[in-house]
């Protein structure tokens, strides 16, 4: 699951022109994908990124956080994580 953040209007309408892209905030890898990828591989996708374990050791899921939605570098970090995991 990928969570992103972008600016929006209070009334939730969308303007008829292009706006800035959303920025990744977090990425969650479920237990089925962790099992396929391998625990050691999913636990350390990047040297500077330490995921949070979300479930029991028998079937772990991992949550990777990329910031608060203001850092454009988050796209590169997400790409680095997904390349290593796939």
PDB file of N, CA and C in Angstrom:
ATOM      1  N   UNK A   1       0.841  -1.157   0.000  1.00  0.00           N
ATOM      2  CA  UNK A   1       0.000   0.000   0.000  1.00  0.00           C
ATOM      3  C   UNK A   1       0.900   1.239   0.000  1.00  0.00           C
ATOM      4  N   UNK A   2       0.587   2.147  -0.865  1.00  0.00           N
ATOM      5  CA  UNK A   2       1.332   3.403  -0.968  1.00  0.00           C
ATOM      6  C   UNK A   2       0.437   4.542  -0.513  1.00  0.00           C
ATOM      7  N   UNK A   3       0.914   5.343   0.438  1.00  0.00           N
ATOM      8  CA  UNK A   3       0.191   6.531   0.899  1.00  0.00           C
ATOM      9  C   UNK A   3       0.931   7.761   0.399  1.00  0.00           C
ATOM     10  N   UNK A   4       0.196   8.685  -0.227  1.00  0.00           N
ATOM     11  CA  UNK A   4       0.785   9.919  -0.732  1.00  0.00           C
ATOM     12  C   UNK A   4       0.027  11.102  -0.162  1.00  0.00           C
ATOM     13  N   UNK A   5       0.631  12.266  -0.300  1.00  0.00           N
ATOM     14  CA  UNK A   5       0.014  13.492   0.208  1.00  0.00           C
ATOM     15  C   UNK A   5       0.184  14.583  -0.838  1.00  0.00           C
ATOM     16  N   UNK A   6      -0.852  15.357  -1.037  1.00  0.00           N
ATOM     17  CA  UNK A   6      -0.758  16.516  -1.919  1.00  0.00           C
ATOM     18  C   UNK A   6      -1.680  17.596  -1.403  1.00  0.00           C
ATOM     19  N   UNK A   7      -1.425  18.808  -1.836  1.00  0.00           N
ATOM     20  CA  UNK A   7      -2.286  19.903  -1.410  1.00  0.00           C
ATOM     21  C   UNK A   7      -3.647  19.762  -2.069  1.00  0.00           C
ATOM     22  N   UNK A   8      -4.648  20.273  -1.426  1.00  0.00           N
ATOM     23  CA  UNK A   8      -5.990  20.186  -1.976  1.00  0.00           C
ATOM     24  C   UNK A   8      -6.842  21.352  -1.513  1.00  0.00           C
ATOM     25  N   UNK A   9      -8.010  21.417  -2.073  1.00  0.00           N
ATOM     26  CA  UNK A   9      -8.945  22.469  -1.709  1.00  0.00           C
ATOM     27  C   UNK A   9      -9.829  22.021  -0.555  1.00  0.00           C
ATOM     28  N   UNK A  10     -10.319  22.975   0.181  1.00  0.00           N
ATOM     29  CA  UNK A  10     -11.187  22.655   1.318  1.00  0.00           C
ATOM     30  C   UNK A  10     -12.466  21.952   0.883  1.00  0.00           C
ATOM     31  N   UNK A  11     -12.982  22.309  -0.293  1.00  0.00           N
ATOM     32  CA  UNK A  11     -14.242  21.709  -0.742  1.00  0.00           C
ATOM     33  C   UNK A  11     -14.026  20.401  -1.508  1.00  0.00           C
ATOM     34  N   UNK A  12     -12.757  19.935  -1.594  1.00  0.00           N
ATOM     35  CA  UNK A  12     -12.365  18.680  -2.222  1.00  0.00           C
ATOM     36  C   UNK A  12     -12.591  18.625  -3.731  1.00  0.00           C
ATOM     37  N   UNK A  13     -12.871  19.752  -4.362  1.00  0.00           N
ATOM     38  CA  UNK A  13     -12.996  19.756  -5.814  1.00  0.00           C
ATOM     39  C   UNK A  13     -11.603  19.756  -6.442  1.00  0.00           C
ATOM     40  N   UNK A  14     -11.555  19.396  -7.705  1.00  0.00           N
ATOM     41  CA  UNK A  14     -10.289  19.328  -8.432  1.00  0.00           C
ATOM     42  C   UNK A  14     -10.317  20.373  -9.540  1.00  0.00           C
ATOM     43  N   UNK A  15      -9.308  21.242  -9.614  1.00  0.00           N
ATOM     44  CA  UNK A  15      -9.301  22.256 -10.661  1.00  0.00           C
ATOM     45  C   UNK A  15      -9.065  21.630 -12.037  1.00  0.00           C
ATOM     46  N   UNK A  16      -9.367  22.388 -13.064  1.00  0.00           N
ATOM     47  CA  UNK A  16      -9.243  21.877 -14.430  1.00  0.00           C
ATOM     48  C   UNK A  16      -7.837  22.056 -15.000  1.00  0.00           C
ATOM     49  N   UNK A  17      -6.865  22.295 -14.178  1.00  0.00           N
ATOM     50  CA  UNK A  17      -5.480  22.423 -14.634  1.00  0.00           C
ATOM     51  C   UNK A  17      -4.592  21.499 -13.792  1.00  0.00           C
ATOM     52  N   UNK A  18      -3.403  21.230 -14.321  1.00  0.00           N
ATOM     53  CA  UNK A  18      -2.490  20.345 -13.611  1.00  0.00           C
ATOM     54  C   UNK A  18      -1.983  21.001 -12.329  1.00  0.00           C
ATOM     55  N   UNK A  19      -1.845  20.182 -11.299  1.00  0.00           N
ATOM     56  CA  UNK A  19      -1.287  20.631 -10.026  1.00  0.00           C
ATOM     57  C   UNK A  19      -0.056  19.796  -9.716  1.00  0.00           C
ATOM     58  N   UNK A  20       0.615  20.142  -8.660  1.00  0.00           N
ATOM     59  CA  UNK A  20       1.814  19.396  -8.261  1.00  0.00           C
ATOM     60  C   UNK A  20       1.458  17.939  -7.954  1.00  0.00           C
ATOM     61  N   UNK A  21       2.390  17.058  -8.251  1.00  0.00           N
ATOM     62  CA  UNK A  21       2.183  15.643  -7.983  1.00  0.00           C
ATOM     63  C   UNK A  21       2.149  15.373  -6.482  1.00  0.00           C
ATOM     64  N   UNK A  22       1.467  14.308  -6.073  1.00  0.00           N
ATOM     65  CA  UNK A  22       1.514  13.945  -4.661  1.00  0.00           C
ATOM     66  C   UNK A  22       2.917  13.453  -4.296  1.00  0.00           C
ATOM     67  N   UNK A  23       3.236  13.496  -3.033  1.00  0.00           N
ATOM     68  CA  UNK A  23       4.550  13.061  -2.548  1.00  0.00           C
ATOM     69  C   UNK A  23       4.340  11.832  -1.665  1.00  0.00           C
ATOM     70  N   UNK A  24       5.142  10.779  -1.865  1.00  0.00           N
ATOM     71  CA  UNK A  24       5.001   9.588  -1.022  1.00  0.00           C
ATOM     72  C   UNK A  24       5.254   9.898   0.451  1.00  0.00           C
ATOM     73  N   UNK A  25       4.415   9.340   1.298  1.00  0.00           N
ATOM     74  CA  UNK A  25       4.559   9.493   2.733  1.00  0.00           C
ATOM     75  C   UNK A  25       4.995   8.155   3.340  1.00  0.00           C
ATOM     76  N   UNK A  26       4.374   7.071   2.870  1.00  0.00           N
ATOM     77  CA  UNK A  26       4.730   5.759   3.402  1.00  0.00           C
ATOM     78  C   UNK A  26       4.370   4.661   2.406  1.00  0.00           C
ATOM     79  N   UNK A  27       4.964   3.513   2.653  1.00  0.00           N
ATOM     80  CA  UNK A  27       4.751   2.328   1.823  1.00  0.00           C
ATOM     81  C   UNK A  27       4.684   1.142   2.773  1.00  0.00           C
ATOM     82  N   UNK A  28       3.649   0.324   2.644  1.00  0.00           N
ATOM     83  CA  UNK A  28       3.492  -0.831   3.517  1.00  0.00           C
ATOM     84  C   UNK A  28       3.541  -2.098   2.684  1.00  0.00           C
ATOM     85  N   UNK A  29       4.356  -3.020   3.118  1.00  0.00           N
ATOM     86  CA  UNK A  29       4.541  -4.298   2.446  1.00  0.00           C
ATOM     87  C   UNK A  29       3.863  -5.367   3.291  1.00  0.00           C
ATOM     88  N   UNK A  30       2.853  -6.022   2.727  1.00  0.00           N
ATOM     89  CA  UNK A  30       2.080  -7.010   3.469  1.00  0.00           C
ATOM     90  C   UNK A  30       2.818  -8.323   3.668  1.00  0.00           C
ATOM     91  N   UNK A  31       2.290  -9.179   4.536  1.00  0.00           N
ATOM     92  CA  UNK A  31       2.972 -10.432   4.868  1.00  0.00           C
ATOM     93  C   UNK A  31       3.156 -11.372   3.685  1.00  0.00           C
ATOM     94  N   UNK A  32       2.217 -11.392   2.755  1.00  0.00           N
ATOM     95  CA  UNK A  32       2.362 -12.283   1.597  1.00  0.00           C
ATOM     96  C   UNK A  32       3.556 -11.877   0.738  1.00  0.00           C
ATOM     97  N   UNK A  33       3.719 -10.594   0.524  1.00  0.00           N
ATOM     98  CA  UNK A  33       4.841 -10.108  -0.287  1.00  0.00           C
ATOM     99  C   UNK A  33       6.157 -10.266   0.468  1.00  0.00           C
ATOM    100  N   UNK A  34       6.140 -10.059   1.778  1.00  0.00           N
ATOM    101  CA  UNK A  34       7.353 -10.268   2.582  1.00  0.00           C
ATOM    102  C   UNK A  34       7.794 -11.726   2.464  1.00  0.00           C
ATOM    103  N   UNK A  35       6.844 -12.647   2.510  1.00  0.00           N
ATOM    104  CA  UNK A  35       7.154 -14.068   2.378  1.00  0.00           C
ATOM    105  C   UNK A  35       7.774 -14.359   1.018  1.00  0.00           C
ATOM    106  N   UNK A  36       7.229 -13.768  -0.042  1.00  0.00           N
ATOM    107  CA  UNK A  36       7.757 -13.979  -1.400  1.00  0.00           C
ATOM    108  C   UNK A  36       9.129 -13.346  -1.575  1.00  0.00           C
ATOM    109  N   UNK A  37       9.312 -12.156  -1.021  1.00  0.00           N
ATOM    110  CA  UNK A  37      10.554 -11.408  -1.169  1.00  0.00           C
ATOM    111  C   UNK A  37      11.661 -11.973  -0.302  1.00  0.00           C
ATOM    112  N   UNK A  38      11.291 -12.428   0.872  1.00  0.00           N
ATOM    113  CA  UNK A  38      12.267 -12.913   1.841  1.00  0.00           C
ATOM    114  C   UNK A  38      12.391 -11.911   2.973  1.00  0.00           C
ATOM    115  N   UNK A  39      12.411 -12.429   4.196  1.00  0.00           N
ATOM    116  CA  UNK A  39      12.422 -11.571   5.374  1.00  0.00           C
ATOM    117  C   UNK A  39      13.641 -10.654   5.427  1.00  0.00           C
ATOM    118  N   UNK A  40      14.818 -11.191   5.216  1.00  0.00           N
ATOM    119  CA  UNK A  40      16.044 -10.389   5.285  1.00  0.00           C
ATOM    120  C   UNK A  40      16.055  -9.298   4.222  1.00  0.00           C
ATOM    121  N   UNK A  41      15.545  -9.625   3.064  1.00  0.00           N
ATOM    122  CA  UNK A  41      15.510  -8.669   1.953  1.00  0.00           C
ATOM    123  C   UNK A  41      14.533  -7.526   2.247  1.00  0.00           C
ATOM    124  N   UNK A  42      13.361  -7.859   2.779  1.00  0.00           N
ATOM    125  CA  UNK A  42      12.335  -6.846   3.070  1.00  0.00           C
ATOM    126  C   UNK A  42      12.708  -5.991   4.278  1.00  0.00           C
ATOM    127  N   UNK A  43      13.489  -6.560   5.195  1.00  0.00           N
ATOM    128  CA  UNK A  43      13.849  -5.841   6.409  1.00  0.00           C
ATOM    129  C   UNK A  43      14.879  -4.739   6.177  1.00  0.00           C
ATOM    130  N   UNK A  44      15.654  -4.833   5.124  1.00  0.00           N
ATOM    131  CA  UNK A  44      16.697  -3.821   4.872  1.00  0.00           C
ATOM    132  C   UNK A  44      16.773  -3.460   3.394  1.00  0.00           C
ATOM    133  N   UNK A  45      15.773  -2.731   2.881  1.00  0.00           N
ATOM    134  CA  UNK A  45      15.770  -2.375   1.468  1.00  0.00           C
ATOM    135  C   UNK A  45      16.743  -1.268   1.096  1.00  0.00           C
ATOM    136  N   UNK A  46      17.132  -0.448   2.078  1.00  0.00           N
ATOM    137  CA  UNK A  46      18.072   0.648   1.829  1.00  0.00           C
ATOM    138  C   UNK A  46      18.854   0.905   3.113  1.00  0.00           C
ATOM    139  N   UNK A  47      20.076   1.341   2.960  1.00  0.00           N
ATOM    140  CA  UNK A  47      20.956   1.537   4.119  1.00  0.00           C
ATOM    141  C   UNK A  47      20.402   2.564   5.101  1.00  0.00           C
ATOM    142  N   UNK A  48      19.753   3.603   4.614  1.00  0.00           N
ATOM    143  CA  UNK A  48      19.284   4.690   5.475  1.00  0.00           C
ATOM    144  C   UNK A  48      17.825   4.535   5.911  1.00  0.00           C
ATOM    145  N   UNK A  49      17.167   3.477   5.482  1.00  0.00           N
ATOM    146  CA  UNK A  49      15.744   3.311   5.747  1.00  0.00           C
ATOM    147  C   UNK A  49      15.495   2.059   6.575  1.00  0.00           C
ATOM    148  N   UNK A  50      14.986   2.227   7.776  1.00  0.00           N
ATOM    149  CA  UNK A  50      14.671   1.100   8.653  1.00  0.00           C
ATOM    150  C   UNK A  50      13.155   0.985   8.783  1.00  0.00           C
ATOM    151  N   UNK A  51      12.566  -0.075   8.250  1.00  0.00           N
ATOM    152  CA  UNK A  51      11.111  -0.219   8.322  1.00  0.00           C
ATOM    153  C   UNK A  51      10.639  -0.588   9.725  1.00  0.00           C
ATOM    154  N   UNK A  52       9.369  -0.345   9.967  1.00  0.00           N
ATOM    155  CA  UNK A  52       8.728  -0.720  11.221  1.00  0.00           C
ATOM    156  C   UNK A  52       7.969  -2.019  10.994  1.00  0.00           C
ATOM    157  N   UNK A  53       8.170  -2.993  11.865  1.00  0.00           N
ATOM    158  CA  UNK A  53       7.453  -4.266  11.752  1.00  0.00           C
ATOM    159  C   UNK A  53       6.043  -4.067  12.281  1.00  0.00           C
ATOM    160  N   UNK A  54       5.042  -4.524  11.528  1.00  0.00           N
ATOM    161  CA  UNK A  54       3.646  -4.277  11.895  1.00  0.00           C
ATOM    162  C   UNK A  54       2.917  -5.484  12.452  1.00  0.00           C
ATOM    163  N   UNK A  55       3.442  -6.656  12.301  1.00  0.00           N
ATOM    164  CA  UNK A  55       2.692  -7.839  12.703  1.00  0.00           C
ATOM    165  C   UNK A  55       3.616  -8.856  13.359  1.00  0.00           C
ATOM    166  N   UNK A  56       3.079  -9.976  13.803  1.00  0.00           N
ATOM    167  CA  UNK A  56       3.890 -10.953  14.514  1.00  0.00           C
ATOM    168  C   UNK A  56       5.025 -11.535  13.654  1.00  0.00           C
ATOM    169  N   UNK A  57       5.995 -12.105  14.333  1.00  0.00           N
ATOM    170  CA  UNK A  57       7.176 -12.651  13.655  1.00  0.00           C
ATOM    171  C   UNK A  57       6.812 -13.779  12.692  1.00  0.00           C
ATOM    172  N   UNK A  58       5.727 -14.477  12.947  1.00  0.00           N
ATOM    173  CA  UNK A  58       5.333 -15.590  12.082  1.00  0.00           C
ATOM    174  C   UNK A  58       4.939 -15.126  10.679  1.00  0.00           C
ATOM    175  N   UNK A  59       4.334 -13.961  10.576  1.00  0.00           N
ATOM    176  CA  UNK A  59       3.955 -13.411   9.264  1.00  0.00           C
ATOM    177  C   UNK A  59       4.117 -11.893   9.297  1.00  0.00           C
ATOM    178  N   UNK A  60       5.351 -11.416   9.233  1.00  0.00           N
ATOM    179  CA  UNK A  60       5.595  -9.969   9.377  1.00  0.00           C
ATOM    180  C   UNK A  60       5.165  -9.152   8.164  1.00  0.00           C
ATOM    181  N   UNK A  61       4.790  -7.925   8.437  1.00  0.00           N
ATOM    182  CA  UNK A  61       4.549  -6.899   7.422  1.00  0.00           C
ATOM    183  C   UNK A  61       5.458  -5.738   7.807  1.00  0.00           C
ATOM    184  N   UNK A  62       5.852  -4.926   6.836  1.00  0.00           N
ATOM    185  CA  UNK A  62       6.750  -3.819   7.109  1.00  0.00           C
ATOM    186  C   UNK A  62       6.185  -2.513   6.587  1.00  0.00           C
ATOM    187  N   UNK A  63       6.420  -1.451   7.365  1.00  0.00           N
ATOM    188  CA  UNK A  63       5.950  -0.115   7.023  1.00  0.00           C
ATOM    189  C   UNK A  63       7.178   0.791   6.870  1.00  0.00           C
ATOM    190  N   UNK A  64       7.356   1.338   5.680  1.00  0.00           N
ATOM    191  CA  UNK A  64       8.487   2.216   5.364  1.00  0.00           C
ATOM    192  C   UNK A  64       7.969   3.651   5.330  1.00  0.00           C
ATOM    193  N   UNK A  65       8.605   4.557   6.043  1.00  0.00           N
ATOM    194  CA  UNK A  65       8.178   5.950   6.102  1.00  0.00           C
ATOM    195  C   UNK A  65       9.169   6.823   5.338  1.00  0.00           C
ATOM    196  N   UNK A  66       8.638   7.726   4.503  1.00  0.00           N
ATOM    197  CA  UNK A  66       9.466   8.603   3.669  1.00  0.00           C
ATOM    198  C   UNK A  66       9.405  10.062   4.083  1.00  0.00           C
ATOM    199  N   UNK A  67       8.751  10.380   5.162  1.00  0.00           N
ATOM    200  CA  UNK A  67       8.674  11.763   5.611  1.00  0.00           C
ATOM    201  C   UNK A  67       7.248  12.225   5.795  1.00  0.00           C
ATOM    202  N   UNK A  68       7.073  13.531   5.770  1.00  0.00           N
ATOM    203  CA  UNK A  68       5.761  14.125   6.055  1.00  0.00           C
ATOM    204  C   UNK A  68       5.025  14.617   4.813  1.00  0.00           C
ATOM    205  N   UNK A  69       5.500  14.240   3.642  1.00  0.00           N
ATOM    206  CA  UNK A  69       4.830  14.645   2.412  1.00  0.00           C
ATOM    207  C   UNK A  69       5.343  15.938   1.819  1.00  0.00           C
ATOM    208  N   UNK A  70       6.436  16.466   2.353  1.00  0.00           N
ATOM    209  CA  UNK A  70       6.990  17.720   1.836  1.00  0.00           C
ATOM    210  C   UNK A  70       8.311  17.521   1.110  1.00  0.00           C
ATOM    211  N   UNK A  71       8.881  16.335   1.183  1.00  0.00           N
ATOM    212  CA  UNK A  71      10.195  16.088   0.590  1.00  0.00           C
ATOM    213  C   UNK A  71      10.063  15.452  -0.795  1.00  0.00           C
ATOM    214  N   UNK A  72      10.491  16.136  -1.827  1.00  0.00           N
ATOM    215  CA  UNK A  72      10.416  15.581  -3.180  1.00  0.00           C
ATOM    216  C   UNK A  72      11.372  14.406  -3.360  1.00  0.00           C
ATOM    217  N   UNK A  73      12.393  14.274  -2.493  1.00  0.00           N
ATOM    218  CA  UNK A  73      13.335  13.154  -2.567  1.00  0.00           C
ATOM    219  C   UNK A  73      12.652  11.832  -2.233  1.00  0.00           C
ATOM    220  N   UNK A  74      11.463  11.907  -1.658  1.00  0.00           N
ATOM    221  CA  UNK A  74      10.744  10.694  -1.278  1.00  0.00           C
ATOM    222  C   UNK A  74      10.457   9.810  -2.477  1.00  0.00           C
ATOM    223  N   UNK A  75      10.261  10.396  -3.664  1.00  0.00           N
ATOM    224  CA  UNK A  75      10.029   9.581  -4.863  1.00  0.00           C
ATOM    225  C   UNK A  75      11.246   8.723  -5.182  1.00  0.00           C
ATOM    226  N   UNK A  76      12.433   9.288  -5.074  1.00  0.00           N
ATOM    227  CA  UNK A  76      13.657   8.529  -5.333  1.00  0.00           C
ATOM    228  C   UNK A  76      13.838   7.432  -4.292  1.00  0.00           C
ATOM    229  N   UNK A  77      13.521   7.722  -3.045  1.00  0.00           N
ATOM    230  CA  UNK A  77      13.628   6.717  -1.988  1.00  0.00           C
ATOM    231  C   UNK A  77      12.637   5.584  -2.205  1.00  0.00           C
ATOM    232  N   UNK A  78      11.404   5.924  -2.595  1.00  0.00           N
ATOM    233  CA  UNK A  78      10.401   4.901  -2.890  1.00  0.00           C
ATOM    234  C   UNK A  78      10.864   4.028  -4.049  1.00  0.00           C
ATOM    235  N   UNK A  79      11.405   4.652  -5.076  1.00  0.00           N
ATOM    236  CA  UNK A  79      11.897   3.903  -6.229  1.00  0.00           C
ATOM    237  C   UNK A  79      13.034   2.967  -5.815  1.00  0.00           C
ATOM    238  N   UNK A  80      13.920   3.422  -4.966  1.00  0.00           N
ATOM    239  CA  UNK A  80      15.025   2.596  -4.489  1.00  0.00           C
ATOM    240  C   UNK A  80      14.490   1.382  -3.729  1.00  0.00           C
ATOM    241  N   UNK A  81      13.518   1.596  -2.867  1.00  0.00           N
ATOM    242  CA  UNK A  81      12.939   0.502  -2.083  1.00  0.00           C
ATOM    243  C   UNK A  81      12.242  -0.489  -2.988  1.00  0.00           C
ATOM    244  N   UNK A  82      11.410  -0.027  -3.894  1.00  0.00           N
ATOM    245  CA  UNK A  82      10.660  -0.949  -4.754  1.00  0.00           C
ATOM    246  C   UNK A  82      11.591  -1.709  -5.710  1.00  0.00           C
ATOM    247  N   UNK A  83      12.647  -1.080  -6.186  1.00  0.00           N
ATOM    248  CA  UNK A  83      13.603  -1.811  -7.038  1.00  0.00           C
ATOM    249  C   UNK A  83      14.256  -2.946  -6.277  1.00  0.00           C
ATOM    250  N   UNK A  84      14.626  -2.703  -5.038  1.00  0.00           N
ATOM    251  CA  UNK A  84      15.280  -3.750  -4.264  1.00  0.00           C
ATOM    252  C   UNK A  84      14.316  -4.866  -3.904  1.00  0.00           C
ATOM    253  N   UNK A  85      13.067  -4.519  -3.641  1.00  0.00           N
ATOM    254  CA  UNK A  85      12.100  -5.521  -3.216  1.00  0.00           C
ATOM    255  C   UNK A  85      11.557  -6.374  -4.348  1.00  0.00           C
ATOM    256  N   UNK A  86      11.626  -5.857  -5.550  1.00  0.00           N
ATOM    257  CA  UNK A  86      11.037  -6.603  -6.687  1.00  0.00           C
ATOM    258  C   UNK A  86      12.080  -7.391  -7.425  1.00  0.00           C
TER     259      UNK A  86
END
